[in-house]
Amino acid sequence: MRVVTFGELMVRLQPYNYERFVQADHLEFTFGGGEANVAVSLANYGIDAAFVTKLPAHAIGQAAVNSLRRYGVDTSLITRGGDRVGIYYNEKGASQRGSVCIYDRAHSAIQEASTADFDWDKIFEGVDWFHFTGITPALGENVVEICREACKAAKAHGVKISCDLNYRGKLWTREQARAAMKGLCNYVAECICNVG
């Protein structure tokens, strides 16, 4: 089985242990993103997994690509271009204190991508499954259109499609999410959601 996931891979900056942002003088630098995490998990289970996104061609973009390669994720379909990798700051919760996430992803390469950046017919050659989340189309109308093109191409290639709705209120309103996801979910065979 071959699985393709599509989304944003971001720099994750996090205080060590359970320190709060205001206590920290060092931040741990790693990479993360919902769909990339799925690809890594699948690769760890021995499944042929590829991740699709757009990342800058500079050293930070390459470090992001390398962070997936080390787990055996196919990165050959990643489009290179744009100026920045999105960032999110994460403060781990402890006991009764919840986690805190602060986004700095405006003008990231994937947020400014266009449908011309992805050859979905090529991407879906020999693919069995396509996965994306509601986080990705929340990045903007252009990314909703990219997701729509991906879903259309996946359907045309007989690829099964799954979506984790994964609503992020910091990225869009419920109304925007409903409008975008209603159309995209017409293509989805497996939908993952939670109460909230």
C-alpha atoms as a PDB file:
ATOM      1  CA  MET A   1       0.000   0.000   0.000  1.00  0.00           C
ATOM      2  CA  ARG A   2       1.204   3.511  -0.848  1.00  0.00           C
ATOM      3  CA  VAL A   3      -0.170   6.524   1.039  1.00  0.00           C
ATOM      4  CA  VAL A   4       0.256  10.224   0.226  1.00  0.00           C
ATOM      5  CA  THR A   5      -0.396  12.897   2.837  1.00  0.00           C
ATOM      6  CA  PHE A   6      -0.592  16.633   2.118  1.00  0.00           C
ATOM      7  CA  GLY A   7      -0.166  19.585   4.456  1.00  0.00           C
ATOM      8  CA  GLU A   8       2.199  22.071   6.047  1.00  0.00           C
ATOM      9  CA  LEU A   9       5.441  21.082   7.762  1.00  0.00           C
ATOM     10  CA  MET A  10       6.418  23.713  10.311  1.00  0.00           C
ATOM     11  CA  VAL A  11       9.272  24.557  12.618  1.00  0.00           C
ATOM     12  CA  ARG A  12       8.236  23.739  16.177  1.00  0.00           C
ATOM     13  CA  LEU A  13       9.881  25.853  18.899  1.00  0.00           C
ATOM     14  CA  GLN A  14       9.242  24.632  22.420  1.00  0.00           C
ATOM     15  CA  PRO A  15      10.673  25.318  25.879  1.00  0.00           C
ATOM     16  CA  TYR A  16      12.451  22.372  27.469  1.00  0.00           C
ATOM     17  CA  ASN A  17      10.559  20.176  29.907  1.00  0.00           C
ATOM     18  CA  TYR A  18       7.431  21.956  31.118  1.00  0.00           C
ATOM     19  CA  GLU A  19       8.771  25.494  31.288  1.00  0.00           C
ATOM     20  CA  ARG A  20       6.493  28.332  30.278  1.00  0.00           C
ATOM     21  CA  PHE A  21       7.495  30.744  27.518  1.00  0.00           C
ATOM     22  CA  VAL A  22       8.215  33.475  30.080  1.00  0.00           C
ATOM     23  CA  GLN A  23      10.567  31.145  31.993  1.00  0.00           C
ATOM     24  CA  ALA A  24      12.514  29.807  29.011  1.00  0.00           C
ATOM     25  CA  ASP A  25      15.861  31.057  27.770  1.00  0.00           C
ATOM     26  CA  HIS A  26      16.271  28.186  25.259  1.00  0.00           C
ATOM     27  CA  LEU A  27      13.808  26.636  22.843  1.00  0.00           C
ATOM     28  CA  GLU A  28      13.972  23.177  21.325  1.00  0.00           C
ATOM     29  CA  PHE A  29      13.903  23.231  17.502  1.00  0.00           C
ATOM     30  CA  THR A  30      12.040  20.395  15.754  1.00  0.00           C
ATOM     31  CA  PHE A  31       9.547  20.003  12.907  1.00  0.00           C
ATOM     32  CA  GLY A  32       5.899  19.033  13.012  1.00  0.00           C
ATOM     33  CA  GLY A  33       2.582  19.086  11.234  1.00  0.00           C
ATOM     34  CA  GLY A  34      -0.535  16.933  11.384  1.00  0.00           C
ATOM     35  CA  GLU A  35      -0.219  15.303   7.980  1.00  0.00           C
ATOM     36  CA  ALA A  36       3.562  14.942   8.224  1.00  0.00           C
ATOM     37  CA  ASN A  37       3.089  13.176  11.562  1.00  0.00           C
ATOM     38  CA  VAL A  38       0.707  10.726   9.873  1.00  0.00           C
ATOM     39  CA  ALA A  39       3.281  10.024   7.146  1.00  0.00           C
ATOM     40  CA  VAL A  40       6.004   9.415   9.749  1.00  0.00           C
ATOM     41  CA  SER A  41       3.736   7.095  11.751  1.00  0.00           C
ATOM     42  CA  LEU A  42       2.828   5.102   8.642  1.00  0.00           C
ATOM     43  CA  ALA A  43       6.479   4.821   7.611  1.00  0.00           C
ATOM     44  CA  ASN A  44       7.319   3.577  11.113  1.00  0.00           C
ATOM     45  CA  TYR A  45       4.748   0.797  10.572  1.00  0.00           C
ATOM     46  CA  GLY A  46       6.473  -0.152   7.321  1.00  0.00           C
ATOM     47  CA  ILE A  47       3.902   1.443   5.004  1.00  0.00           C
ATOM     48  CA  ASP A  48       5.123   3.241   1.866  1.00  0.00           C
ATOM     49  CA  ALA A  49       4.297   6.852   2.808  1.00  0.00           C
ATOM     50  CA  ALA A  50       4.975  10.078   0.920  1.00  0.00           C
ATOM     51  CA  PHE A  51       4.447  13.630   2.128  1.00  0.00           C
ATOM     52  CA  VAL A  52       3.535  16.481  -0.212  1.00  0.00           C
ATOM     53  CA  THR A  53       3.950  20.156   0.632  1.00  0.00           C
ATOM     54  CA  LYS A  54       5.810  23.251  -0.517  1.00  0.00           C
ATOM     55  CA  LEU A  55       8.984  24.288   1.299  1.00  0.00           C
ATOM     56  CA  PRO A  56      11.671  26.896   0.609  1.00  0.00           C
ATOM     57  CA  ALA A  57      14.873  25.732  -1.069  1.00  0.00           C
ATOM     58  CA  HIS A  58      17.034  27.253   1.705  1.00  0.00           C
ATOM     59  CA  ALA A  59      18.712  25.413   4.599  1.00  0.00           C
ATOM     60  CA  ILE A  60      15.695  25.476   6.941  1.00  0.00           C
ATOM     61  CA  GLY A  61      13.487  24.064   4.186  1.00  0.00           C
ATOM     62  CA  GLN A  62      16.069  21.334   3.588  1.00  0.00           C
ATOM     63  CA  ALA A  63      16.256  20.570   7.306  1.00  0.00           C
ATOM     64  CA  ALA A  64      12.467  20.113   7.260  1.00  0.00           C
ATOM     65  CA  VAL A  65      12.745  17.683   4.338  1.00  0.00           C
ATOM     66  CA  ASN A  66      15.549  15.805   6.105  1.00  0.00           C
ATOM     67  CA  SER A  67      13.446  15.500   9.266  1.00  0.00           C
ATOM     68  CA  LEU A  68      11.022  13.318   7.282  1.00  0.00           C
ATOM     69  CA  ARG A  69      13.644  11.380   5.345  1.00  0.00           C
ATOM     70  CA  ARG A  70      15.219  10.091   8.534  1.00  0.00           C
ATOM     71  CA  TYR A  71      11.985   8.180   9.220  1.00  0.00           C
ATOM     72  CA  GLY A  72      11.741   6.753   5.712  1.00  0.00           C
ATOM     73  CA  VAL A  73       9.074   9.127   4.386  1.00  0.00           C
ATOM     74  CA  ASP A  74       9.259   9.700   0.616  1.00  0.00           C
ATOM     75  CA  THR A  75       9.957  13.420   0.128  1.00  0.00           C
ATOM     76  CA  SER A  76      10.545  13.311  -3.631  1.00  0.00           C
ATOM     77  CA  LEU A  77       7.185  14.949  -4.370  1.00  0.00           C
ATOM     78  CA  ILE A  78       7.753  18.043  -2.207  1.00  0.00           C
ATOM     79  CA  THR A  79       7.659  21.266  -4.216  1.00  0.00           C
ATOM     80  CA  ARG A  80      10.469  23.712  -3.440  1.00  0.00           C
ATOM     81  CA  GLY A  81       9.971  27.466  -3.441  1.00  0.00           C
ATOM     82  CA  GLY A  82       8.736  30.375  -1.361  1.00  0.00           C
ATOM     83  CA  ASP A  83      10.584  32.285   1.322  1.00  0.00           C
ATOM     84  CA  ARG A  84       9.650  30.881   4.700  1.00  0.00           C
ATOM     85  CA  VAL A  85       8.761  27.831   6.712  1.00  0.00           C
ATOM     86  CA  GLY A  86       5.806  28.338   9.043  1.00  0.00           C
ATOM     87  CA  ILE A  87       6.566  28.343  12.760  1.00  0.00           C
ATOM     88  CA  TYR A  88       4.599  27.341  15.781  1.00  0.00           C
ATOM     89  CA  TYR A  89       5.566  27.909  19.379  1.00  0.00           C
ATOM     90  CA  ASN A  90       4.373  25.222  21.750  1.00  0.00           C
ATOM     91  CA  GLU A  91       4.269  25.347  25.529  1.00  0.00           C
ATOM     92  CA  LYS A  92       3.573  21.883  26.968  1.00  0.00           C
ATOM     93  CA  GLY A  93       0.826  21.765  29.550  1.00  0.00           C
ATOM     94  CA  ALA A  94       1.386  20.374  33.005  1.00  0.00           C
ATOM     95  CA  SER A  95      -1.243  18.998  35.374  1.00  0.00           C
ATOM     96  CA  GLN A  96      -4.158  21.468  35.328  1.00  0.00           C
ATOM     97  CA  ARG A  97      -2.372  23.921  33.022  1.00  0.00           C
ATOM     98  CA  GLY A  98      -3.226  23.338  29.373  1.00  0.00           C
ATOM     99  CA  SER A  99      -0.788  23.545  26.481  1.00  0.00           C
ATOM    100  CA  VAL A 100      -0.366  26.831  24.604  1.00  0.00           C
ATOM    101  CA  CYS A 101       0.205  27.066  20.864  1.00  0.00           C
ATOM    102  CA  ILE A 102       1.113  30.297  19.082  1.00  0.00           C
ATOM    103  CA  TYR A 103       1.223  30.294  15.270  1.00  0.00           C
ATOM    104  CA  ASP A 104       3.600  32.291  13.109  1.00  0.00           C
ATOM    105  CA  ARG A 105       2.733  30.815   9.725  1.00  0.00           C
ATOM    106  CA  ALA A 106       1.606  33.803   7.652  1.00  0.00           C
ATOM    107  CA  HIS A 107       3.300  33.932   4.236  1.00  0.00           C
ATOM    108  CA  SER A 108       4.766  30.439   4.558  1.00  0.00           C
ATOM    109  CA  ALA A 109       5.618  28.654   1.311  1.00  0.00           C
ATOM    110  CA  ILE A 110       2.547  26.407   1.462  1.00  0.00           C
ATOM    111  CA  GLN A 111       0.221  29.255   2.438  1.00  0.00           C
ATOM    112  CA  GLU A 112       1.298  31.157  -0.673  1.00  0.00           C
ATOM    113  CA  ALA A 113       1.263  28.089  -2.953  1.00  0.00           C
ATOM    114  CA  SER A 114      -0.945  27.778  -6.023  1.00  0.00           C
ATOM    115  CA  THR A 115      -2.566  24.869  -7.840  1.00  0.00           C
ATOM    116  CA  ALA A 116       0.232  25.100 -10.444  1.00  0.00           C
ATOM    117  CA  ASP A 117       2.747  23.986  -7.789  1.00  0.00           C
ATOM    118  CA  PHE A 118       1.406  20.415  -7.685  1.00  0.00           C
ATOM    119  CA  ASP A 119       1.058  17.836 -10.471  1.00  0.00           C
ATOM    120  CA  TRP A 120      -1.563  15.667  -8.785  1.00  0.00           C
ATOM    121  CA  ASP A 121      -1.801  13.224 -11.697  1.00  0.00           C
ATOM    122  CA  LYS A 122       1.898  12.447 -11.263  1.00  0.00           C
ATOM    123  CA  ILE A 123       1.649  12.469  -7.467  1.00  0.00           C
ATOM    124  CA  PHE A 124      -1.165   9.884  -7.455  1.00  0.00           C
ATOM    125  CA  GLU A 125       0.492   7.399  -9.814  1.00  0.00           C
ATOM    126  CA  GLY A 126       0.483   4.037  -8.012  1.00  0.00           C
ATOM    127  CA  VAL A 127      -1.090   5.530  -4.861  1.00  0.00           C
ATOM    128  CA  ASP A 128      -3.772   3.719  -2.847  1.00  0.00           C
ATOM    129  CA  TRP A 129      -4.676   6.290  -0.204  1.00  0.00           C
ATOM    130  CA  PHE A 130      -4.643  10.105   0.175  1.00  0.00           C
ATOM    131  CA  HIS A 131      -4.894  11.845   3.549  1.00  0.00           C
ATOM    132  CA  PHE A 132      -5.250  15.505   4.497  1.00  0.00           C
ATOM    133  CA  THR A 133      -6.684  17.407   7.459  1.00  0.00           C
ATOM    134  CA  GLY A 134      -8.838  20.464   7.994  1.00  0.00           C
ATOM    135  CA  ILE A 135      -5.733  22.340   9.109  1.00  0.00           C
ATOM    136  CA  THR A 136      -4.413  22.618   5.559  1.00  0.00           C
ATOM    137  CA  PRO A 137      -7.371  24.280   3.803  1.00  0.00           C
ATOM    138  CA  ALA A 138      -7.611  26.645   6.782  1.00  0.00           C
ATOM    139  CA  LEU A 139      -4.457  28.342   5.478  1.00  0.00           C
ATOM    140  CA  GLY A 140      -6.406  30.234   2.793  1.00  0.00           C
ATOM    141  CA  GLU A 141      -8.762  30.055  -0.169  1.00  0.00           C
ATOM    142  CA  ASN A 142      -5.865  29.175  -2.464  1.00  0.00           C
ATOM    143  CA  VAL A 143      -5.086  26.147  -0.293  1.00  0.00           C
ATOM    144  CA  VAL A 144      -8.761  25.136  -0.260  1.00  0.00           C
ATOM    145  CA  GLU A 145      -8.510  25.110  -4.065  1.00  0.00           C
ATOM    146  CA  ILE A 146      -5.286  23.059  -3.941  1.00  0.00           C
ATOM    147  CA  CYS A 147      -7.027  20.528  -1.681  1.00  0.00           C
ATOM    148  CA  ARG A 148     -10.009  20.444  -4.054  1.00  0.00           C
ATOM    149  CA  GLU A 149      -7.725  19.764  -7.026  1.00  0.00           C
ATOM    150  CA  ALA A 150      -5.949  17.045  -5.035  1.00  0.00           C
ATOM    151  CA  CYS A 151      -9.245  15.379  -4.122  1.00  0.00           C
ATOM    152  CA  LYS A 152     -10.516  15.514  -7.710  1.00  0.00           C
ATOM    153  CA  ALA A 153      -7.306  13.954  -9.011  1.00  0.00           C
ATOM    154  CA  ALA A 154      -7.270  11.311  -6.264  1.00  0.00           C
ATOM    155  CA  LYS A 155     -10.862  10.366  -7.100  1.00  0.00           C
ATOM    156  CA  ALA A 156     -10.020  10.165 -10.817  1.00  0.00           C
ATOM    157  CA  HIS A 157      -7.119   7.812 -10.003  1.00  0.00           C
ATOM    158  CA  GLY A 158      -9.279   5.584  -7.793  1.00  0.00           C
ATOM    159  CA  VAL A 159      -7.393   6.642  -4.658  1.00  0.00           C
ATOM    160  CA  LYS A 160      -9.244   6.310  -1.347  1.00  0.00           C
ATOM    161  CA  ILE A 161      -9.400   9.656   0.505  1.00  0.00           C
ATOM    162  CA  SER A 162      -9.426  10.285   4.250  1.00  0.00           C
ATOM    163  CA  CYS A 163      -9.664  13.539   6.165  1.00  0.00           C
ATOM    164  CA  ASP A 164      -9.194  14.410   9.819  1.00  0.00           C
ATOM    165  CA  LEU A 165     -11.336  17.533  10.245  1.00  0.00           C
ATOM    166  CA  ASN A 166      -9.001  18.779  13.008  1.00  0.00           C
ATOM    167  CA  TYR A 167     -10.657  22.199  13.393  1.00  0.00           C
ATOM    168  CA  ARG A 168      -8.318  25.031  14.430  1.00  0.00           C
ATOM    169  CA  GLY A 169     -10.194  28.095  15.651  1.00  0.00           C
ATOM    170  CA  LYS A 170      -6.984  30.156  15.479  1.00  0.00           C
ATOM    171  CA  LEU A 171      -6.865  29.669  11.693  1.00  0.00           C
ATOM    172  CA  TRP A 172     -10.467  30.191  10.558  1.00  0.00           C
ATOM    173  CA  THR A 173     -14.026  30.603  11.740  1.00  0.00           C
ATOM    174  CA  ARG A 174     -16.551  27.771  12.020  1.00  0.00           C
ATOM    175  CA  GLU A 175     -18.430  29.275   9.093  1.00  0.00           C
ATOM    176  CA  GLN A 176     -15.327  29.314   6.887  1.00  0.00           C
ATOM    177  CA  ALA A 177     -14.493  25.760   7.932  1.00  0.00           C
ATOM    178  CA  ARG A 178     -18.024  24.555   7.232  1.00  0.00           C
ATOM    179  CA  ALA A 179     -18.089  26.133   3.772  1.00  0.00           C
ATOM    180  CA  ALA A 180     -14.728  24.691   2.733  1.00  0.00           C
ATOM    181  CA  MET A 181     -14.953  21.281   4.355  1.00  0.00           C
ATOM    182  CA  LYS A 182     -18.490  20.598   3.173  1.00  0.00           C
ATOM    183  CA  GLY A 183     -17.271  20.657  -0.422  1.00  0.00           C
ATOM    184  CA  LEU A 184     -14.048  18.764   0.249  1.00  0.00           C
ATOM    185  CA  CYS A 185     -15.774  16.043   2.259  1.00  0.00           C
ATOM    186  CA  ASN A 186     -17.831  15.119  -0.804  1.00  0.00           C
ATOM    187  CA  TYR A 187     -14.672  13.306  -1.958  1.00  0.00           C
ATOM    188  CA  VAL A 188     -13.820  11.735   1.404  1.00  0.00           C
ATOM    189  CA  ALA A 189     -14.415   8.043   2.114  1.00  0.00           C
ATOM    190  CA  GLU A 190     -13.113   8.090   5.722  1.00  0.00           C
ATOM    191  CA  CYS A 191     -13.756  11.154   7.885  1.00  0.00           C
ATOM    192  CA  ILE A 192     -12.182  11.521  11.316  1.00  0.00           C
ATOM    193  CA  CYS A 193     -13.675  14.036  13.741  1.00  0.00           C
ATOM    194  CA  ASN A 194     -13.998  14.702  17.425  1.00  0.00           C
ATOM    195  CA  VAL A 195     -16.584  16.333  19.647  1.00  0.00           C
ATOM    196  CA  GLY A 196     -16.091  20.055  20.078  1.00  0.00           C
END
